[in-house]
C-alpha cells in the first residue's frame, strides 16, 4: 500500500526510535492517528534525538510499524516463531488489531 511506501521512504520522517542497535524512522502524524499509545512514547521529543525503546527487538518493532501504517499482518511462519513477542509488543504499544 501507499502507506507502507511512506514507512519505507524516510524523506519526511520526523521521529526516530532507537531499538537495540538500530534506529527506526517514523512519522508522528501516522503514529498519532493509528497508534496513539505508541505516539505517547514520543513525548516532547523535539530535539531530534531517537526515542529509546527497550524490551523489543528492531524486527518486532518494524512488524508493529508495518501494521500501524498498512494493517499488514505478518506471515504465518513469523507469527509461529515470534507470536509471543509480537503480542507482547502490540499490547505494550496499544495495537489492539495485531493481537
C-alpha atoms as a PDB file:
ATOM      1  CA  UNK A   1       0.000   0.000   0.000  1.00  0.00           C
ATOM      2  CA  UNK A   2       0.978   3.630  -0.302  1.00  0.00           C
ATOM      3  CA  UNK A   3       1.136   3.907   3.473  1.00  0.00           C
ATOM      4  CA  UNK A   4       3.765   1.170   3.640  1.00  0.00           C
ATOM      5  CA  UNK A   5       5.721   3.031   0.965  1.00  0.00           C
ATOM      6  CA  UNK A   6       5.643   6.057   3.254  1.00  0.00           C
ATOM      7  CA  UNK A   7       7.137   3.961   6.052  1.00  0.00           C
ATOM      8  CA  UNK A   8       9.983   2.896   3.803  1.00  0.00           C
ATOM      9  CA  UNK A   9      10.599   6.432   2.481  1.00  0.00           C
ATOM     10  CA  UNK A  10      12.316   8.385   5.233  1.00  0.00           C
ATOM     11  CA  UNK A  11      12.319  11.747   3.434  1.00  0.00           C
ATOM     12  CA  UNK A  12       9.529  13.259   5.535  1.00  0.00           C
ATOM     13  CA  UNK A  13      10.060  11.232   8.714  1.00  0.00           C
ATOM     14  CA  UNK A  14      10.043  13.341  11.847  1.00  0.00           C
ATOM     15  CA  UNK A  15      10.661  10.855  14.662  1.00  0.00           C
ATOM     16  CA  UNK A  16      13.205   8.128  15.194  1.00  0.00           C
ATOM     17  CA  UNK A  17      13.341   5.251  17.633  1.00  0.00           C
ATOM     18  CA  UNK A  18      16.450   3.534  18.956  1.00  0.00           C
ATOM     19  CA  UNK A  19      15.558  -0.138  19.168  1.00  0.00           C
ATOM     20  CA  UNK A  20      18.522  -2.229  20.208  1.00  0.00           C
ATOM     21  CA  UNK A  21      21.424  -1.197  17.986  1.00  0.00           C
ATOM     22  CA  UNK A  22      19.177   0.081  15.187  1.00  0.00           C
ATOM     23  CA  UNK A  23      17.432   3.375  14.514  1.00  0.00           C
ATOM     24  CA  UNK A  24      13.932   3.076  13.057  1.00  0.00           C
ATOM     25  CA  UNK A  25      12.382   6.139  11.406  1.00  0.00           C
ATOM     26  CA  UNK A  26       8.678   7.023  11.506  1.00  0.00           C
ATOM     27  CA  UNK A  27       6.124   9.825  11.167  1.00  0.00           C
ATOM     28  CA  UNK A  28       4.419  11.429  14.172  1.00  0.00           C
ATOM     29  CA  UNK A  29       1.213  12.129  12.226  1.00  0.00           C
ATOM     30  CA  UNK A  30       0.756   8.443  11.356  1.00  0.00           C
ATOM     31  CA  UNK A  31       1.528   7.362  14.915  1.00  0.00           C
ATOM     32  CA  UNK A  32      -0.812   9.926  16.464  1.00  0.00           C
ATOM     33  CA  UNK A  33      -3.645   8.765  14.203  1.00  0.00           C
ATOM     34  CA  UNK A  34      -3.116   4.990  14.092  1.00  0.00           C
ATOM     35  CA  UNK A  35      -1.138   4.252  17.258  1.00  0.00           C
ATOM     36  CA  UNK A  36      -1.819   6.875  19.941  1.00  0.00           C
ATOM     37  CA  UNK A  37      -0.246   4.793  22.721  1.00  0.00           C
ATOM     38  CA  UNK A  38       2.969   4.404  20.711  1.00  0.00           C
ATOM     39  CA  UNK A  39       2.794   8.118  19.862  1.00  0.00           C
ATOM     40  CA  UNK A  40       2.839   8.884  23.594  1.00  0.00           C
ATOM     41  CA  UNK A  41       6.297   7.298  23.736  1.00  0.00           C
ATOM     42  CA  UNK A  42       7.472  10.217  21.592  1.00  0.00           C
ATOM     43  CA  UNK A  43       6.645  12.617  24.406  1.00  0.00           C
ATOM     44  CA  UNK A  44       8.068  16.060  23.961  1.00  0.00           C
ATOM     45  CA  UNK A  45      10.868  14.799  21.725  1.00  0.00           C
ATOM     46  CA  UNK A  46      11.615  17.913  19.709  1.00  0.00           C
ATOM     47  CA  UNK A  47      15.409  17.819  19.740  1.00  0.00           C
ATOM     48  CA  UNK A  48      15.676  15.151  17.050  1.00  0.00           C
ATOM     49  CA  UNK A  49      17.267  12.529  19.265  1.00  0.00           C
ATOM     50  CA  UNK A  50      15.893   8.991  18.930  1.00  0.00           C
ATOM     51  CA  UNK A  51      13.303   7.750  21.408  1.00  0.00           C
ATOM     52  CA  UNK A  52      14.719   4.656  23.111  1.00  0.00           C
ATOM     53  CA  UNK A  53      12.508   1.579  23.004  1.00  0.00           C
ATOM     54  CA  UNK A  54      13.589  -1.190  25.357  1.00  0.00           C
ATOM     55  CA  UNK A  55      12.423  -4.798  25.676  1.00  0.00           C
ATOM     56  CA  UNK A  56      11.529  -5.094  21.979  1.00  0.00           C
ATOM     57  CA  UNK A  57      13.719  -6.125  19.054  1.00  0.00           C
ATOM     58  CA  UNK A  58      14.018  -3.967  15.940  1.00  0.00           C
ATOM     59  CA  UNK A  59      12.420  -6.793  13.932  1.00  0.00           C
ATOM     60  CA  UNK A  60       9.334  -6.871  16.184  1.00  0.00           C
ATOM     61  CA  UNK A  61       9.146  -3.061  16.249  1.00  0.00           C
ATOM     62  CA  UNK A  62       9.148  -2.991  12.434  1.00  0.00           C
ATOM     63  CA  UNK A  63       6.314  -5.559  12.402  1.00  0.00           C
ATOM     64  CA  UNK A  64       4.360  -3.238  14.707  1.00  0.00           C
ATOM     65  CA  UNK A  65       5.018  -0.245  12.437  1.00  0.00           C
ATOM     66  CA  UNK A  66       4.058  -2.178   9.298  1.00  0.00           C
ATOM     67  CA  UNK A  67       0.725  -2.936  10.957  1.00  0.00           C
ATOM     68  CA  UNK A  68       0.307   0.694  12.087  1.00  0.00           C
ATOM     69  CA  UNK A  69       0.980   2.012   8.567  1.00  0.00           C
ATOM     70  CA  UNK A  70      -0.706  -0.606   6.391  1.00  0.00           C
ATOM     71  CA  UNK A  71      -2.524  -3.089   8.658  1.00  0.00           C
ATOM     72  CA  UNK A  72      -0.055  -5.687   7.400  1.00  0.00           C
ATOM     73  CA  UNK A  73      -0.295  -8.988   9.253  1.00  0.00           C
ATOM     74  CA  UNK A  74       2.972 -10.945   9.455  1.00  0.00           C
ATOM     75  CA  UNK A  75       3.344 -14.209   7.571  1.00  0.00           C
ATOM     76  CA  UNK A  76       2.251 -17.395   9.338  1.00  0.00           C
ATOM     77  CA  UNK A  77       5.826 -18.541   9.935  1.00  0.00           C
ATOM     78  CA  UNK A  78       6.700 -15.218  11.585  1.00  0.00           C
ATOM     79  CA  UNK A  79       3.609 -15.478  13.777  1.00  0.00           C
ATOM     80  CA  UNK A  80       4.586 -19.022  14.792  1.00  0.00           C
ATOM     81  CA  UNK A  81       8.191 -18.027  15.525  1.00  0.00           C
ATOM     82  CA  UNK A  82       7.652 -14.581  17.033  1.00  0.00           C
ATOM     83  CA  UNK A  83       3.996 -14.615  18.112  1.00  0.00           C
ATOM     84  CA  UNK A  84       4.596 -14.157  21.817  1.00  0.00           C
ATOM     85  CA  UNK A  85       6.906 -11.173  21.234  1.00  0.00           C
ATOM     86  CA  UNK A  86       4.527  -9.646  18.673  1.00  0.00           C
ATOM     87  CA  UNK A  87       1.582  -9.915  21.063  1.00  0.00           C
ATOM     88  CA  UNK A  88       3.623  -8.503  23.933  1.00  0.00           C
ATOM     89  CA  UNK A  89       4.738  -5.505  21.849  1.00  0.00           C
ATOM     90  CA  UNK A  90       1.246  -4.985  20.412  1.00  0.00           C
ATOM     91  CA  UNK A  91      -0.138  -4.946  23.934  1.00  0.00           C
ATOM     92  CA  UNK A  92       2.551  -2.561  25.190  1.00  0.00           C
ATOM     93  CA  UNK A  93       2.016  -0.115  22.311  1.00  0.00           C
ATOM     94  CA  UNK A  94      -1.794  -0.384  22.242  1.00  0.00           C
ATOM     95  CA  UNK A  95      -2.014  -2.034  18.819  1.00  0.00           C
ATOM     96  CA  UNK A  96      -5.209  -3.985  19.501  1.00  0.00           C
ATOM     97  CA  UNK A  97      -5.804  -5.296  15.983  1.00  0.00           C
ATOM     98  CA  UNK A  98      -2.476  -7.119  15.861  1.00  0.00           C
ATOM     99  CA  UNK A  99      -3.145  -9.178  18.975  1.00  0.00           C
END
